[in-house]
Amino acid sequence: MYLFPRNRRRLAPLLRAVIEIAFIIFLFYSNLLMGQFTHEGGHGRTLAQALYNIFTGTNLLIGLIAALVGYMTVEYLRRKL
């Protein structure tokens, strides 16, 4: 019964990191999706076509790298301030 709160405390930083990185990736893909519609004016483009164009391996790698750099920057600033 007493082991559960200790495990939760130990997992809290990891869970926070996963949530923050996932949120950064969400913002990245949201930005890409909006760019797909504004780039071509959105005429004749469906949501399925736009999603197909943005979910690529390259975009995933860029998103993960950007999310990790963003997370490390925020953690650095959080500890310094």
N, C-alpha and C. Protein backbone atom coordinates (compact mmCIF):
# COMPACT_ATOMS: atom_id res chain seq x y z
N MET A 1 0.82 -1.19 0.00
CA MET A 1 0.00 0.00 0.00
C MET A 1 0.86 1.26 0.00
N TYR A 2 1.98 1.24 0.70
CA TYR A 2 2.84 2.41 0.78
C TYR A 2 3.79 2.53 -0.41
N LEU A 3 3.92 1.48 -1.20
CA LEU A 3 4.84 1.51 -2.32
C LEU A 3 4.30 2.31 -3.49
N PHE A 4 2.99 2.39 -3.63
CA PHE A 4 2.40 3.07 -4.78
C PHE A 4 2.74 4.57 -4.83
N PRO A 5 2.61 5.32 -3.73
CA PRO A 5 2.98 6.75 -3.81
C PRO A 5 4.46 6.97 -4.13
N ARG A 6 5.34 6.11 -3.64
CA ARG A 6 6.76 6.26 -3.96
C ARG A 6 7.00 6.05 -5.45
N ASN A 7 6.38 5.03 -6.01
CA ASN A 7 6.54 4.78 -7.45
C ASN A 7 5.98 5.93 -8.27
N ARG A 8 4.88 6.49 -7.81
CA ARG A 8 4.28 7.62 -8.53
C ARG A 8 5.22 8.82 -8.52
N ARG A 9 5.84 9.09 -7.37
CA ARG A 9 6.78 10.20 -7.28
C ARG A 9 7.99 9.99 -8.17
N ARG A 10 8.43 8.76 -8.28
CA ARG A 10 9.59 8.45 -9.10
C ARG A 10 9.26 8.57 -10.59
N LEU A 11 8.03 8.26 -10.96
CA LEU A 11 7.63 8.33 -12.36
C LEU A 11 7.15 9.72 -12.78
N ALA A 12 6.91 10.61 -11.85
CA ALA A 12 6.37 11.93 -12.16
C ALA A 12 7.26 12.72 -13.12
N PRO A 13 8.58 12.81 -12.91
CA PRO A 13 9.40 13.57 -13.88
C PRO A 13 9.37 12.96 -15.28
N LEU A 14 9.37 11.64 -15.35
CA LEU A 14 9.31 10.98 -16.65
C LEU A 14 7.97 11.24 -17.33
N LEU A 15 6.90 11.15 -16.58
CA LEU A 15 5.57 11.41 -17.13
C LEU A 15 5.45 12.85 -17.59
N ARG A 16 5.99 13.79 -16.81
CA ARG A 16 5.95 15.19 -17.20
C ARG A 16 6.74 15.42 -18.48
N ALA A 17 7.89 14.76 -18.61
CA ALA A 17 8.70 14.90 -19.83
C ALA A 17 7.95 14.35 -21.04
N VAL A 18 7.32 13.21 -20.89
CA VAL A 18 6.57 12.62 -22.01
C VAL A 18 5.42 13.53 -22.42
N ILE A 19 4.71 14.09 -21.45
CA ILE A 19 3.59 14.97 -21.76
C ILE A 19 4.07 16.24 -22.44
N GLU A 20 5.15 16.84 -21.97
CA GLU A 20 5.66 18.06 -22.57
C GLU A 20 6.18 17.82 -23.99
N ILE A 21 6.88 16.72 -24.20
CA ILE A 21 7.38 16.40 -25.53
C ILE A 21 6.23 16.11 -26.48
N ALA A 22 5.22 15.39 -26.01
CA ALA A 22 4.05 15.10 -26.84
C ALA A 22 3.32 16.39 -27.21
N PHE A 23 3.25 17.34 -26.29
CA PHE A 23 2.58 18.60 -26.59
C PHE A 23 3.36 19.40 -27.63
N ILE A 24 4.67 19.40 -27.55
CA ILE A 24 5.48 20.10 -28.54
C ILE A 24 5.30 19.46 -29.92
N ILE A 25 5.26 18.13 -29.97
CA ILE A 25 5.04 17.44 -31.25
C ILE A 25 3.65 17.75 -31.78
N PHE A 26 2.66 17.82 -30.90
CA PHE A 26 1.30 18.20 -31.32
C PHE A 26 1.30 19.59 -31.95
N LEU A 27 1.98 20.53 -31.32
CA LEU A 27 2.05 21.89 -31.89
C LEU A 27 2.78 21.90 -33.23
N PHE A 28 3.81 21.10 -33.35
CA PHE A 28 4.56 21.00 -34.61
C PHE A 28 3.65 20.49 -35.73
N TYR A 29 2.94 19.40 -35.48
CA TYR A 29 2.06 18.85 -36.51
C TYR A 29 0.87 19.76 -36.79
N SER A 30 0.38 20.48 -35.80
CA SER A 30 -0.69 21.45 -36.03
C SER A 30 -0.22 22.55 -36.97
N ASN A 31 1.01 22.99 -36.75
CA ASN A 31 1.58 24.01 -37.61
C ASN A 31 1.75 23.49 -39.04
N LEU A 32 2.22 22.25 -39.19
CA LEU A 32 2.36 21.66 -40.51
C LEU A 32 1.02 21.53 -41.21
N LEU A 33 -0.01 21.14 -40.48
CA LEU A 33 -1.33 20.97 -41.06
C LEU A 33 -1.89 22.30 -41.54
N MET A 34 -1.72 23.33 -40.74
CA MET A 34 -2.18 24.66 -41.17
C MET A 34 -1.39 25.13 -42.39
N GLY A 35 -0.11 24.81 -42.44
CA GLY A 35 0.70 25.17 -43.60
C GLY A 35 0.25 24.48 -44.86
N GLN A 36 -0.24 23.27 -44.77
CA GLN A 36 -0.73 22.55 -45.94
C GLN A 36 -1.94 23.26 -46.55
N PHE A 37 -2.79 23.83 -45.71
CA PHE A 37 -3.98 24.49 -46.21
C PHE A 37 -3.69 25.92 -46.67
N THR A 38 -2.76 26.60 -46.05
CA THR A 38 -2.47 27.97 -46.47
C THR A 38 -1.52 28.01 -47.66
N HIS A 39 -0.70 26.98 -47.83
CA HIS A 39 0.26 26.95 -48.93
C HIS A 39 -0.45 26.90 -50.28
N GLU A 40 -1.48 26.10 -50.37
CA GLU A 40 -2.19 25.97 -51.63
C GLU A 40 -3.56 26.62 -51.58
N GLY A 41 -3.79 27.40 -50.56
CA GLY A 41 -5.06 28.09 -50.46
C GLY A 41 -6.19 27.20 -49.98
N GLY A 42 -5.94 25.92 -49.81
CA GLY A 42 -6.97 25.03 -49.32
C GLY A 42 -7.99 24.62 -50.36
N HIS A 43 -7.82 25.07 -51.59
CA HIS A 43 -8.80 24.77 -52.64
C HIS A 43 -8.60 23.36 -53.15
N GLY A 44 -9.64 22.56 -53.06
CA GLY A 44 -9.59 21.20 -53.57
C GLY A 44 -8.80 20.24 -52.71
N ARG A 45 -8.37 20.65 -51.57
CA ARG A 45 -7.57 19.80 -50.69
C ARG A 45 -8.45 19.29 -49.56
N THR A 46 -8.36 18.00 -49.32
CA THR A 46 -9.13 17.43 -48.22
C THR A 46 -8.22 17.25 -47.00
N LEU A 47 -8.86 17.04 -45.87
CA LEU A 47 -8.10 16.83 -44.64
C LEU A 47 -7.27 15.55 -44.74
N ALA A 48 -7.82 14.53 -45.36
CA ALA A 48 -7.09 13.27 -45.50
C ALA A 48 -5.83 13.45 -46.34
N GLN A 49 -5.92 14.22 -47.41
CA GLN A 49 -4.73 14.47 -48.24
C GLN A 49 -3.68 15.25 -47.47
N ALA A 50 -4.10 16.23 -46.71
CA ALA A 50 -3.15 17.03 -45.92
C ALA A 50 -2.49 16.17 -44.85
N LEU A 51 -3.25 15.33 -44.18
CA LEU A 51 -2.67 14.45 -43.16
C LEU A 51 -1.70 13.46 -43.78
N TYR A 52 -2.02 12.96 -44.96
CA TYR A 52 -1.11 12.05 -45.65
C TYR A 52 0.21 12.73 -45.99
N ASN A 53 0.15 13.99 -46.35
CA ASN A 53 1.36 14.72 -46.72
C ASN A 53 2.24 15.09 -45.52
N ILE A 54 1.65 15.29 -44.36
CA ILE A 54 2.47 15.74 -43.23
C ILE A 54 3.00 14.61 -42.37
N PHE A 55 2.36 13.44 -42.35
CA PHE A 55 2.84 12.34 -41.52
C PHE A 55 3.85 11.51 -42.29
N THR A 56 5.09 12.00 -42.31
CA THR A 56 6.18 11.29 -42.96
C THR A 56 7.27 11.02 -41.93
N GLY A 57 8.18 10.14 -42.29
CA GLY A 57 9.28 9.84 -41.39
C GLY A 57 10.17 11.04 -41.12
N THR A 58 10.39 11.84 -42.16
CA THR A 58 11.23 13.03 -42.01
C THR A 58 10.59 14.03 -41.06
N ASN A 59 9.30 14.26 -41.22
CA ASN A 59 8.62 15.19 -40.32
C ASN A 59 8.60 14.68 -38.89
N LEU A 60 8.45 13.38 -38.73
CA LEU A 60 8.48 12.80 -37.39
C LEU A 60 9.85 13.00 -36.74
N LEU A 61 10.91 12.78 -37.50
CA LEU A 61 12.26 12.97 -36.97
C LEU A 61 12.50 14.43 -36.61
N ILE A 62 12.09 15.34 -37.47
CA ILE A 62 12.24 16.77 -37.18
C ILE A 62 11.45 17.14 -35.94
N GLY A 63 10.23 16.63 -35.83
CA GLY A 63 9.39 16.92 -34.67
C GLY A 63 9.99 16.40 -33.38
N LEU A 64 10.52 15.18 -33.42
CA LEU A 64 11.14 14.61 -32.22
C LEU A 64 12.37 15.38 -31.79
N ILE A 65 13.21 15.74 -32.75
CA ILE A 65 14.42 16.51 -32.42
C ILE A 65 14.04 17.88 -31.86
N ALA A 66 13.10 18.54 -32.50
CA ALA A 66 12.66 19.85 -32.02
C ALA A 66 12.03 19.74 -30.63
N ALA A 67 11.26 18.68 -30.39
CA ALA A 67 10.62 18.50 -29.09
C ALA A 67 11.66 18.25 -28.01
N LEU A 68 12.67 17.45 -28.30
CA LEU A 68 13.71 17.18 -27.31
C LEU A 68 14.52 18.43 -27.01
N VAL A 69 14.86 19.19 -28.04
CA VAL A 69 15.60 20.44 -27.82
C VAL A 69 14.75 21.43 -27.02
N GLY A 70 13.47 21.52 -27.37
CA GLY A 70 12.57 22.40 -26.64
C GLY A 70 12.41 22.00 -25.20
N TYR A 71 12.27 20.70 -24.96
CA TYR A 71 12.12 20.21 -23.58
C TYR A 71 13.38 20.48 -22.77
N MET A 72 14.55 20.20 -23.35
CA MET A 72 15.80 20.45 -22.63
C MET A 72 15.99 21.93 -22.33
N THR A 73 15.61 22.78 -23.26
CA THR A 73 15.72 24.23 -23.04
C THR A 73 14.81 24.68 -21.91
N VAL A 74 13.57 24.21 -21.93
CA VAL A 74 12.62 24.60 -20.88
C VAL A 74 13.08 24.07 -19.52
N GLU A 75 13.58 22.85 -19.47
CA GLU A 75 14.07 22.30 -18.20
C GLU A 75 15.28 23.08 -17.69
N TYR A 76 16.18 23.46 -18.60
CA TYR A 76 17.34 24.25 -18.21
C TYR A 76 16.90 25.59 -17.61
N LEU A 77 15.97 26.26 -18.30
CA LEU A 77 15.49 27.55 -17.80
C LEU A 77 14.70 27.39 -16.51
N ARG A 78 13.95 26.31 -16.38
CA ARG A 78 13.18 26.05 -15.18
C ARG A 78 14.10 25.87 -13.97
N ARG A 79 15.23 25.22 -14.16
CA ARG A 79 16.18 25.00 -13.05
C ARG A 79 16.99 26.25 -12.74
N LYS A 80 17.26 27.06 -13.75
CA LYS A 80 18.05 28.28 -13.52
C LYS A 80 17.23 29.37 -12.85
N LEU A 81 15.94 29.42 -13.13
CA LEU A 81 15.10 30.47 -12.55
C LEU A 81 14.47 29.97 -11.32
